[in-house]
Protein backbone atom coordinates (compact mmCIF):
# COMPACT_ATOMS: atom_id res chain seq x y z
CA MET A 1 8.77 -8.98 -1.02
CA ASN A 2 10.97 -12.07 -0.60
CA GLY A 3 11.15 -14.33 2.42
CA ILE A 4 9.64 -11.63 4.73
CA GLY A 5 9.39 -12.59 8.44
CA LYS A 6 7.73 -10.34 11.04
CA SER A 7 6.73 -10.92 14.62
CA TYR A 8 5.86 -8.90 17.69
CA ARG A 9 6.39 -9.61 21.39
CA SER A 10 3.21 -9.61 23.33
CA GLY A 11 3.90 -10.08 27.02
CA GLU A 12 5.87 -13.34 27.30
CA ARG A 13 4.63 -14.55 23.74
CA GLN A 14 6.23 -13.96 20.44
CA GLN A 15 3.38 -13.32 18.03
CA VAL A 16 4.32 -14.33 14.53
CA ILE A 17 2.61 -12.14 11.78
CA PHE A 18 4.51 -13.26 8.65
CA LYS A 19 6.70 -16.17 8.03
CA ASP A 20 8.64 -16.48 4.68
CA LEU A 21 6.17 -14.16 2.84
CA THR A 22 6.97 -13.76 -0.79
CA ALA A 23 4.86 -11.68 -3.19
CA THR A 24 5.16 -9.23 -6.09
CA PHE A 25 2.74 -6.29 -6.75
CA ALA A 26 2.91 -5.35 -10.51
CA SER A 27 3.93 -1.96 -11.49
CA GLY A 28 1.01 0.24 -12.79
CA ARG A 29 -1.64 -2.10 -11.39
CA ILE A 30 -4.02 -1.90 -8.44
CA SER A 31 -3.59 -4.86 -6.05
CA ALA A 32 -6.20 -5.54 -3.31
CA ILE A 33 -5.26 -7.12 0.04
CA LEU A 34 -8.04 -9.12 1.72
CA GLY A 35 -8.07 -11.04 4.95
CA LYS A 36 -9.58 -11.33 8.40
CA SER A 37 -9.15 -8.60 11.05
CA GLY A 38 -5.93 -9.09 12.84
CA ALA A 39 -4.26 -11.13 10.06
CA GLY A 40 -1.64 -8.49 9.36
CA LYS A 41 -2.92 -6.41 6.45
CA SER A 42 -2.02 -3.01 7.85
CA THR A 43 1.34 -4.45 8.99
CA LEU A 44 1.96 -5.47 5.40
CA LEU A 45 1.45 -1.87 4.30
CA ASN A 46 3.71 -0.58 7.02
CA LEU A 47 6.49 -3.01 5.90
CA ILE A 48 6.22 -1.79 2.27
CA ALA A 49 6.42 1.77 3.43
CA GLY A 50 9.32 1.11 5.82
CA ILE A 51 7.23 2.21 8.84
CA ASP A 52 7.94 -1.32 10.24
CA ARG A 53 11.07 -3.22 9.52
CA PRO A 54 11.00 -6.90 8.62
CA ASP A 55 12.83 -9.41 10.84
CA ALA A 56 13.94 -11.34 7.83
CA GLY A 57 13.91 -11.16 4.09
CA SER A 58 14.22 -8.48 1.48
CA LEU A 59 11.78 -5.90 0.23
CA ARG A 60 12.11 -3.70 -2.82
CA VAL A 61 10.01 -0.79 -4.26
CA GLY A 62 11.27 -0.49 -7.84
CA GLU A 63 15.11 -0.44 -7.53
CA VAL A 64 15.10 0.66 -3.91
CA SER A 65 15.80 -1.92 -1.14
CA VAL A 66 13.47 -0.39 1.41
CA ALA A 67 14.40 -2.63 4.46
CA THR A 68 18.10 -1.64 4.26
CA LEU A 69 17.68 2.16 3.95
CA ALA A 70 18.93 4.35 6.82
CA GLU A 71 16.18 6.23 8.66
CA GLU A 72 16.80 9.61 7.13
CA ASP A 73 16.92 8.11 3.66
CA LEU A 74 13.72 6.11 4.41
CA CYS A 75 11.95 9.33 5.44
CA ARG A 76 12.99 11.01 2.15
CA PHE A 77 12.00 7.96 0.17
CA ARG A 78 8.41 7.84 1.75
CA ARG A 79 7.92 11.62 1.06
CA GLN A 80 9.01 11.39 -2.54
CA ARG A 81 7.96 7.98 -3.74
CA ILE A 82 4.91 6.89 -1.68
CA GLY A 83 1.46 8.26 -1.31
CA PHE A 84 -0.89 7.31 1.50
CA VAL A 85 -4.71 7.16 1.79
CA PHE A 86 -5.98 6.36 5.22
CA GLN A 87 -9.35 5.21 6.53
CA SER A 88 -9.51 8.13 9.04
CA PHE A 89 -8.20 10.73 6.47
CA HIS A 90 -5.47 12.06 8.75
CA LEU A 91 -5.98 15.70 7.68
CA LEU A 92 -4.60 18.44 9.93
CA PRO A 93 -7.46 20.50 11.35
CA VAL A 94 -5.28 23.68 11.84
CA LEU A 95 -4.52 23.75 8.02
CA THR A 96 -6.88 24.58 5.16
CA VAL A 97 -7.78 21.92 2.46
CA GLU A 98 -5.08 23.40 0.18
CA GLU A 99 -2.48 23.48 2.85
CA ASN A 100 -3.05 19.91 3.75
CA VAL A 101 -2.42 18.93 0.09
CA MET A 102 0.57 21.25 -0.18
CA MET A 103 2.26 19.81 2.87
CA VAL A 104 3.64 16.57 1.40
CA PRO A 105 5.38 18.06 -1.66
CA GLU A 106 6.71 20.88 0.49
CA LEU A 107 8.25 18.29 2.83
CA SER A 108 9.77 16.67 -0.28
CA GLY A 109 11.60 19.88 -1.15
CA VAL A 110 9.20 21.34 -3.62
CA SER A 111 8.93 25.21 -3.45
CA PRO A 112 5.76 26.68 -1.92
CA ALA A 113 4.61 28.10 -5.19
CA GLU A 114 4.92 24.80 -6.99
CA ALA A 115 3.39 22.94 -4.10
CA ARG A 116 0.36 25.32 -4.28
CA LYS A 117 0.03 24.82 -8.03
CA ARG A 118 0.03 21.04 -7.52
CA ALA A 119 -2.58 21.27 -4.70
CA VAL A 120 -4.90 23.35 -6.82
CA SER A 121 -4.56 20.97 -9.79
CA CYS A 122 -5.04 17.84 -7.67
CA LEU A 123 -8.05 19.34 -5.84
CA ALA A 124 -9.54 20.10 -9.23
CA ASP A 125 -9.00 16.50 -10.29
CA VAL A 126 -10.98 15.20 -7.29
CA GLY A 127 -13.85 17.78 -7.80
CA LEU A 128 -13.02 20.14 -4.98
CA THR A 129 -12.29 23.51 -6.78
CA GLY A 130 -13.54 26.36 -4.63
CA MET A 131 -13.01 24.42 -1.37
CA GLU A 132 -9.26 25.16 -1.12
CA ARG A 133 -9.51 27.75 1.86
CA ARG A 134 -11.93 25.62 3.90
CA PRO A 135 -10.96 23.85 7.06
CA PRO A 136 -11.37 20.00 6.82
CA GLU A 137 -13.93 20.09 9.67
CA LEU A 138 -16.46 21.80 7.27
CA LEU A 139 -16.19 18.96 4.67
CA SER A 140 -18.32 15.79 4.50
CA GLY A 141 -16.53 12.40 4.96
CA GLY A 142 -16.47 11.77 1.20
CA GLU A 143 -14.99 15.27 0.72
CA ARG A 144 -12.30 14.67 3.20
CA GLN A 145 -11.32 11.46 1.66
CA ARG A 146 -11.08 13.30 -1.65
CA VAL A 147 -8.75 15.69 -0.04
CA SER A 148 -6.48 12.73 1.13
CA ILE A 149 -6.53 11.30 -2.38
CA ALA A 150 -5.39 14.79 -3.72
CA ARG A 151 -2.67 14.80 -1.06
CA ALA A 152 -1.54 11.32 -2.06
CA LEU A 153 -1.21 12.39 -5.65
CA ALA A 154 0.39 15.86 -5.01
CA SER A 155 4.04 14.48 -4.69
CA ASP A 156 3.55 12.34 -7.95
CA PRO A 157 4.60 9.18 -6.13
CA ASP A 158 5.39 5.83 -7.88
CA LEU A 159 3.30 3.85 -5.32
CA ILE A 160 0.23 4.55 -3.35
CA LEU A 161 -0.75 2.59 -0.29
CA ALA A 162 -4.43 2.80 0.79
CA ASP A 163 -5.65 1.33 4.13
CA GLU A 164 -9.42 0.78 4.08
CA PRO A 165 -9.92 4.02 2.20
CA THR A 166 -13.75 3.69 2.26
CA GLY A 167 -14.00 2.33 5.79
CA ASN A 168 -15.42 5.51 7.23
CA LEU A 169 -17.87 6.12 4.39
CA ASP A 170 -21.43 4.87 3.71
CA GLY A 171 -21.73 2.44 0.81
CA GLU A 172 -22.80 4.97 -1.97
CA THR A 173 -20.24 7.44 -0.88
CA GLY A 174 -17.54 4.90 -0.64
CA ARG A 175 -18.21 3.52 -4.14
CA ALA A 176 -18.10 7.06 -5.61
CA VAL A 177 -14.85 7.80 -3.87
CA MET A 178 -13.24 4.61 -4.98
CA ASP A 179 -14.40 5.00 -8.55
CA LEU A 180 -12.71 8.40 -8.58
CA PHE A 181 -9.61 7.12 -6.85
CA THR A 182 -9.18 4.18 -9.38
CA SER A 183 -9.83 6.42 -12.33
CA LEU A 184 -7.21 8.90 -11.24
CA VAL A 185 -4.45 6.36 -10.46
CA ARG A 186 -5.08 4.37 -13.65
CA LYS A 187 -4.88 7.71 -15.66
CA ARG A 188 -1.52 8.44 -14.01
CA GLY A 189 -0.16 4.88 -14.25
CA LYS A 190 0.37 4.52 -10.45
CA THR A 191 0.97 1.28 -8.70
CA VAL A 192 -1.49 0.90 -5.85
CA VAL A 193 -1.78 -1.51 -2.97
CA VAL A 194 -5.14 -1.24 -1.12
CA VAL A 195 -6.23 -3.05 2.00
CA THR A 196 -9.95 -3.57 2.04
CA HIS A 197 -12.86 -5.58 3.53
CA SER A 198 -15.10 -4.50 0.62
CA LEU A 199 -15.68 -7.01 -2.09
CA ASP A 200 -16.97 -4.26 -4.40
CA ILE A 201 -13.63 -2.47 -4.09
CA ALA A 202 -11.69 -5.76 -4.53
CA SER A 203 -13.64 -6.68 -7.70
CA ALA A 204 -12.57 -3.40 -9.29
CA CYS A 205 -8.84 -4.15 -8.70
CA ASP A 206 -6.48 -5.94 -11.05
CA ALA A 207 -4.97 -8.40 -8.75
CA LEU A 208 -6.26 -10.00 -5.39
CA PHE A 209 -4.27 -11.35 -2.50
CA GLU A 210 -5.31 -12.83 0.79
CA VAL A 211 -3.33 -12.51 4.05
CA ARG A 212 -3.62 -15.90 5.94
CA ASP A 213 -1.44 -18.48 7.62
CA HIS A 214 1.38 -15.95 8.09
CA GLY A 215 1.69 -15.37 4.36
CA LEU A 216 0.19 -13.66 1.30
CA PHE A 217 -1.61 -15.74 -1.29
CA PRO A 218 -2.92 -14.68 -4.76
CA LEU A 219 -6.64 -15.24 -5.31
CA ASP A 220 -6.56 -16.42 -8.93
CA HIS A 221 -10.24 -16.71 -9.26
CA GLY A 222 -11.31 -13.34 -8.05
CA VAL A 223 -13.51 -12.48 -5.00
CA THR A 224 -15.53 -15.74 -5.52
CA SER A 225 -12.58 -17.62 -4.12
CA TRP A 226 -12.37 -15.53 -0.97
């Protein structure tokens, strides 16, 4: 991210979120984004994913200039190259656990048979073998988040964006889910950017950044400097 600017109009006011933000998230590492509520952490993830467009600056994921992609190419890029893990899970209640995981690779052009194979494998990796045909509503919060982790991994993305992935879980469940998540992404060599309020989660990451003063700043001394 180089020289990123982003603002929104709120009534008659122009609310500046980022001004000349420059940062690099290293490939194959887990980077944590900290900051006060409303500072722009989720907006940062939306910019990386191309859900929001910057007003200024350039943004690259690997060799792809995300900010300049046409909308159709951007949708294809998100489906094939980025996995998402959300605080509120975002599982479709009308689909089974397996179908929720299959959905992303199928949208990326993978055959139904291959998508099912990937779903079964990824659900096994998160410890949910035997639950493939259940509806999400019958799962606990921790189990639902494991499904969303399996879904994020099913398309074998280069980058995973996680927005408060343990925010809806109790402390013990959240730690267990995050331990599983970090273990799986490290094993696969994925690049991860995770927004969190949890210092426990942040301390398990490779690099820490804080959103403040319309920018993003590295925390060189770990969570003790935040």
